[in-house]
Amino acid sequence: MVNTLSNHEISRLITCPKKFKTVPPKFPDITTQNITFRFKVYGLENDDEFSVFFAQSAKMQSDFSLGLRYDNFLLYRCNGYHGTTKNNFYSAPHHAYPHAHILSEADIANGRALKPSSCENLTGEYIDFPDAVQYFCNKCGIISYRKHFSHLFQGTIW
């Protein structure tokens, strides 16, 4: 298990080319709260294993999260619009724009390896879940994602 990462290593892990070794599940896990899809990808250069998740609120389609995890670190997480509502439906901080949270050395030092604090405004990069999947997979170097998720780009999310 890795204990720490430098900012340079975090950036490299996020963007390095990644491949599928097995076909990801065809259908997501569905609960009353969320629609979740989990799978693994592997670095082309050194076969590092990464966990990926796509999650979308069953109640609010604009509330979604796509994450890339390496070992015990959440490296990168793209989100849609989310946060506290008038009736305090969600307890998360309000973000009225697409954004990403990116892990940093400081996060690791402060015990936030699974909850990156840096926030990047991604307005104009994506507007909905299918666009976010394309952005995320391109940003994270996931090769052949279109082959496995073509249904997302044909108007059928799940």
C-alpha atoms as a PDB file:
ATOM      1  CA  MET A   1       0.000   0.000   0.000  1.00  0.00           C
ATOM      2  CA  VAL A   2       1.259   3.448  -0.961  1.00  0.00           C
ATOM      3  CA  ASN A   3       1.391   6.000   1.894  1.00  0.00           C
ATOM      4  CA  THR A   4       1.906   9.237  -0.006  1.00  0.00           C
ATOM      5  CA  LEU A   5       2.103  10.721  -3.491  1.00  0.00           C
ATOM      6  CA  SER A   6       3.682  13.884  -4.866  1.00  0.00           C
ATOM      7  CA  ASN A   7       1.632  16.347  -6.927  1.00  0.00           C
ATOM      8  CA  HIS A   8       3.648  15.249  -9.969  1.00  0.00           C
ATOM      9  CA  GLU A   9       2.833  11.582  -9.327  1.00  0.00           C
ATOM     10  CA  ILE A  10      -0.860  12.409  -8.785  1.00  0.00           C
ATOM     11  CA  SER A  11      -0.974  14.210 -12.133  1.00  0.00           C
ATOM     12  CA  ARG A  12       0.810  11.328 -13.874  1.00  0.00           C
ATOM     13  CA  LEU A  13      -1.549   8.747 -12.374  1.00  0.00           C
ATOM     14  CA  ILE A  14      -4.616  10.734 -13.435  1.00  0.00           C
ATOM     15  CA  THR A  15      -3.552  11.191 -17.054  1.00  0.00           C
ATOM     16  CA  CYS A  16      -1.552   8.035 -17.839  1.00  0.00           C
ATOM     17  CA  PRO A  17      -3.110   5.791 -20.520  1.00  0.00           C
ATOM     18  CA  LYS A  18      -5.334   3.081 -19.029  1.00  0.00           C
ATOM     19  CA  LYS A  19      -6.855  -0.052 -20.533  1.00  0.00           C
ATOM     20  CA  PHE A  20      -9.619  -2.502 -19.730  1.00  0.00           C
ATOM     21  CA  LYS A  21      -8.524  -6.081 -19.011  1.00  0.00           C
ATOM     22  CA  THR A  22     -12.058  -7.342 -18.640  1.00  0.00           C
ATOM     23  CA  VAL A  23     -15.360  -6.062 -19.934  1.00  0.00           C
ATOM     24  CA  PRO A  24     -16.983  -3.787 -17.343  1.00  0.00           C
ATOM     25  CA  PRO A  25     -20.436  -4.770 -16.060  1.00  0.00           C
ATOM     26  CA  LYS A  26     -23.176  -4.086 -18.577  1.00  0.00           C
ATOM     27  CA  PHE A  27     -25.680  -2.842 -15.992  1.00  0.00           C
ATOM     28  CA  PRO A  28     -25.229  -0.552 -12.982  1.00  0.00           C
ATOM     29  CA  ASP A  29     -26.207  -1.155  -9.366  1.00  0.00           C
ATOM     30  CA  ILE A  30     -29.480   0.660  -8.769  1.00  0.00           C
ATOM     31  CA  THR A  31     -30.857   1.705  -5.388  1.00  0.00           C
ATOM     32  CA  THR A  32     -33.572   4.167  -4.422  1.00  0.00           C
ATOM     33  CA  GLN A  33     -30.894   6.840  -3.996  1.00  0.00           C
ATOM     34  CA  ASN A  34     -28.258   6.199  -6.676  1.00  0.00           C
ATOM     35  CA  ILE A  35     -27.352   4.516  -9.916  1.00  0.00           C
ATOM     36  CA  THR A  36     -23.749   3.301  -9.575  1.00  0.00           C
ATOM     37  CA  PHE A  37     -21.359   1.684 -12.013  1.00  0.00           C
ATOM     38  CA  ARG A  38     -17.934   0.379 -10.847  1.00  0.00           C
ATOM     39  CA  PHE A  39     -15.074  -1.126 -12.831  1.00  0.00           C
ATOM     40  CA  LYS A  40     -11.275  -1.455 -12.992  1.00  0.00           C
ATOM     41  CA  VAL A  41      -8.770  -0.138 -15.503  1.00  0.00           C
ATOM     42  CA  TYR A  42      -5.021  -0.716 -15.653  1.00  0.00           C
ATOM     43  CA  GLY A  43      -2.067   1.476 -16.572  1.00  0.00           C
ATOM     44  CA  LEU A  44      -0.558   0.641 -19.957  1.00  0.00           C
ATOM     45  CA  GLU A  45       3.018   1.272 -18.839  1.00  0.00           C
ATOM     46  CA  ASN A  46       3.227  -0.532 -15.509  1.00  0.00           C
ATOM     47  CA  ASP A  47      -0.135  -2.280 -15.046  1.00  0.00           C
ATOM     48  CA  ASP A  48      -1.153  -0.132 -12.030  1.00  0.00           C
ATOM     49  CA  GLU A  49      -4.718  -0.948 -10.994  1.00  0.00           C
ATOM     50  CA  PHE A  50      -7.293   1.854 -10.815  1.00  0.00           C
ATOM     51  CA  SER A  51     -10.877   1.711  -9.564  1.00  0.00           C
ATOM     52  CA  VAL A  52     -13.434   3.833 -11.385  1.00  0.00           C
ATOM     53  CA  PHE A  53     -16.955   4.731 -10.375  1.00  0.00           C
ATOM     54  CA  PHE A  54     -19.798   6.504 -12.131  1.00  0.00           C
ATOM     55  CA  ALA A  55     -22.661   7.482  -9.810  1.00  0.00           C
ATOM     56  CA  GLN A  56     -25.803   9.452 -10.494  1.00  0.00           C
ATOM     57  CA  SER A  57     -28.594  10.464  -8.158  1.00  0.00           C
ATOM     58  CA  ALA A  58     -31.838   8.629  -8.849  1.00  0.00           C
ATOM     59  CA  LYS A  59     -33.689  11.823  -7.878  1.00  0.00           C
ATOM     60  CA  MET A  60     -31.660  14.570  -9.570  1.00  0.00           C
ATOM     61  CA  GLN A  61     -30.004  13.740 -12.911  1.00  0.00           C
ATOM     62  CA  SER A  62     -27.676  16.744 -12.726  1.00  0.00           C
ATOM     63  CA  ASP A  63     -26.211  15.374  -9.467  1.00  0.00           C
ATOM     64  CA  PHE A  64     -23.544  12.892 -10.522  1.00  0.00           C
ATOM     65  CA  SER A  65     -19.976  11.971  -9.707  1.00  0.00           C
ATOM     66  CA  LEU A  66     -17.277  10.128 -11.658  1.00  0.00           C
ATOM     67  CA  GLY A  67     -14.149   9.111  -9.791  1.00  0.00           C
ATOM     68  CA  LEU A  68     -10.700   7.639 -10.327  1.00  0.00           C
ATOM     69  CA  ARG A  69      -9.126   5.867  -7.391  1.00  0.00           C
ATOM     70  CA  TYR A  70      -5.607   4.457  -7.020  1.00  0.00           C
ATOM     71  CA  ASP A  71      -4.782   2.367  -3.967  1.00  0.00           C
ATOM     72  CA  ASN A  72      -6.147   4.334  -1.003  1.00  0.00           C
ATOM     73  CA  PHE A  73      -6.307   7.677  -2.869  1.00  0.00           C
ATOM     74  CA  LEU A  74      -9.220   9.309  -4.700  1.00  0.00           C
ATOM     75  CA  LEU A  75      -7.173  11.031  -7.403  1.00  0.00           C
ATOM     76  CA  TYR A  76      -9.858  12.780  -9.417  1.00  0.00           C
ATOM     77  CA  ARG A  77     -13.607  13.243  -9.161  1.00  0.00           C
ATOM     78  CA  CYS A  78     -15.811  15.021 -11.719  1.00  0.00           C
ATOM     79  CA  ASN A  79     -19.165  16.243 -10.495  1.00  0.00           C
ATOM     80  CA  GLY A  80     -22.305  17.763 -11.881  1.00  0.00           C
ATOM     81  CA  TYR A  81     -24.352  20.390 -10.120  1.00  0.00           C
ATOM     82  CA  HIS A  82     -25.053  19.538  -6.474  1.00  0.00           C
ATOM     83  CA  GLY A  83     -25.298  20.816  -2.962  1.00  0.00           C
ATOM     84  CA  THR A  84     -27.599  22.151  -0.339  1.00  0.00           C
ATOM     85  CA  THR A  85     -31.119  22.891  -1.495  1.00  0.00           C
ATOM     86  CA  LYS A  86     -33.785  25.141  -0.062  1.00  0.00           C
ATOM     87  CA  ASN A  87     -35.061  22.268   2.100  1.00  0.00           C
ATOM     88  CA  ASN A  88     -31.529  21.043   2.947  1.00  0.00           C
ATOM     89  CA  PHE A  89     -32.088  17.911   0.842  1.00  0.00           C
ATOM     90  CA  TYR A  90     -28.314  17.479   0.466  1.00  0.00           C
ATOM     91  CA  SER A  91     -25.690  18.329   3.028  1.00  0.00           C
ATOM     92  CA  ALA A  92     -22.846  18.776   0.502  1.00  0.00           C
ATOM     93  CA  PRO A  93     -21.499  22.257  -0.256  1.00  0.00           C
ATOM     94  CA  HIS A  94     -23.367  23.898  -3.115  1.00  0.00           C
ATOM     95  CA  HIS A  95     -21.725  23.843  -6.551  1.00  0.00           C
ATOM     96  CA  ALA A  96     -23.884  25.486  -9.228  1.00  0.00           C
ATOM     97  CA  TYR A  97     -21.523  24.430 -12.016  1.00  0.00           C
ATOM     98  CA  PRO A  98     -19.741  21.315 -13.296  1.00  0.00           C
ATOM     99  CA  HIS A  99     -16.507  20.853 -11.383  1.00  0.00           C
ATOM    100  CA  ALA A 100     -13.758  18.432 -10.406  1.00  0.00           C
ATOM    101  CA  HIS A 101     -11.971  17.739  -7.154  1.00  0.00           C
ATOM    102  CA  ILE A 102      -8.281  16.938  -7.598  1.00  0.00           C
ATOM    103  CA  LEU A 103      -6.123  15.294  -4.945  1.00  0.00           C
ATOM    104  CA  SER A 104      -3.004  17.135  -3.779  1.00  0.00           C
ATOM    105  CA  GLU A 105      -0.032  16.422  -1.505  1.00  0.00           C
ATOM    106  CA  ALA A 106      -1.612  18.786   1.032  1.00  0.00           C
ATOM    107  CA  ASP A 107      -4.825  16.725   1.034  1.00  0.00           C
ATOM    108  CA  ILE A 108      -2.846  13.570   1.804  1.00  0.00           C
ATOM    109  CA  ALA A 109      -0.894  15.320   4.579  1.00  0.00           C
ATOM    110  CA  ASN A 110      -4.197  16.552   6.067  1.00  0.00           C
ATOM    111  CA  GLY A 111      -5.847  13.119   6.062  1.00  0.00           C
ATOM    112  CA  ARG A 112      -8.047  13.840   3.018  1.00  0.00           C
ATOM    113  CA  ALA A 113      -6.732  11.127   0.666  1.00  0.00           C
ATOM    114  CA  LEU A 114     -10.312  10.104  -0.158  1.00  0.00           C
ATOM    115  CA  LYS A 115     -11.804  13.600  -0.113  1.00  0.00           C
ATOM    116  CA  PRO A 116      -9.784  15.967  -2.318  1.00  0.00           C
ATOM    117  CA  SER A 117     -10.346  19.615  -1.435  1.00  0.00           C
ATOM    118  CA  SER A 118      -9.063  21.338  -4.579  1.00  0.00           C
ATOM    119  CA  CYS A 119     -11.953  22.350  -6.842  1.00  0.00           C
ATOM    120  CA  GLU A 120     -11.641  23.081 -10.564  1.00  0.00           C
ATOM    121  CA  ASN A 121     -14.495  24.831 -12.398  1.00  0.00           C
ATOM    122  CA  LEU A 122     -15.347  22.806 -15.514  1.00  0.00           C
ATOM    123  CA  THR A 123     -18.040  25.072 -16.937  1.00  0.00           C
ATOM    124  CA  GLY A 124     -18.081  24.500 -20.704  1.00  0.00           C
ATOM    125  CA  GLU A 125     -16.442  21.057 -20.493  1.00  0.00           C
ATOM    126  CA  TYR A 126     -19.677  19.121 -19.974  1.00  0.00           C
ATOM    127  CA  ILE A 127     -23.334  19.807 -19.260  1.00  0.00           C
ATOM    128  CA  ASP A 128     -24.810  16.388 -18.536  1.00  0.00           C
ATOM    129  CA  PHE A 129     -23.859  12.878 -17.487  1.00  0.00           C
ATOM    130  CA  PRO A 130     -22.957  11.448 -20.941  1.00  0.00           C
ATOM    131  CA  ASP A 131     -20.778  14.503 -21.715  1.00  0.00           C
ATOM    132  CA  ALA A 132     -19.133  14.146 -18.297  1.00  0.00           C
ATOM    133  CA  VAL A 133     -18.320  10.484 -18.980  1.00  0.00           C
ATOM    134  CA  GLN A 134     -16.549  11.471 -22.209  1.00  0.00           C
ATOM    135  CA  TYR A 135     -14.666  14.311 -20.486  1.00  0.00           C
ATOM    136  CA  PHE A 136     -13.677  12.115 -17.540  1.00  0.00           C
ATOM    137  CA  CYS A 137     -12.496   9.178 -19.667  1.00  0.00           C
ATOM    138  CA  ASN A 138     -10.454  11.461 -21.927  1.00  0.00           C
ATOM    139  CA  LYS A 139      -8.939  13.349 -18.961  1.00  0.00           C
ATOM    140  CA  CYS A 140      -8.096  10.087 -17.194  1.00  0.00           C
ATOM    141  CA  GLY A 141      -6.636   8.392 -20.292  1.00  0.00           C
ATOM    142  CA  ILE A 142      -9.164   5.554 -20.385  1.00  0.00           C
ATOM    143  CA  ILE A 143      -8.672   3.919 -23.775  1.00  0.00           C
ATOM    144  CA  SER A 144     -11.586   2.271 -25.641  1.00  0.00           C
ATOM    145  CA  TYR A 145     -14.223   3.646 -23.279  1.00  0.00           C
ATOM    146  CA  ARG A 146     -16.600   4.281 -26.215  1.00  0.00           C
ATOM    147  CA  LYS A 147     -16.618   0.556 -26.999  1.00  0.00           C
ATOM    148  CA  HIS A 148     -17.867  -0.274 -23.497  1.00  0.00           C
ATOM    149  CA  PHE A 149     -20.183   2.688 -22.912  1.00  0.00           C
ATOM    150  CA  SER A 150     -21.653   3.347 -26.360  1.00  0.00           C
ATOM    151  CA  HIS A 151     -25.187   3.197 -24.892  1.00  0.00           C
ATOM    152  CA  LEU A 152     -24.414   6.364 -22.923  1.00  0.00           C
ATOM    153  CA  PHE A 153     -23.869   8.321 -26.132  1.00  0.00           C
ATOM    154  CA  GLN A 154     -26.984   7.032 -27.903  1.00  0.00           C
ATOM    155  CA  GLY A 155     -29.531   8.626 -25.600  1.00  0.00           C
ATOM    156  CA  THR A 156     -29.808   5.692 -23.188  1.00  0.00           C
ATOM    157  CA  ILE A 157     -27.984   6.368 -19.969  1.00  0.00           C
ATOM    158  CA  TRP A 158     -28.504   2.980 -18.319  1.00  0.00           C
END
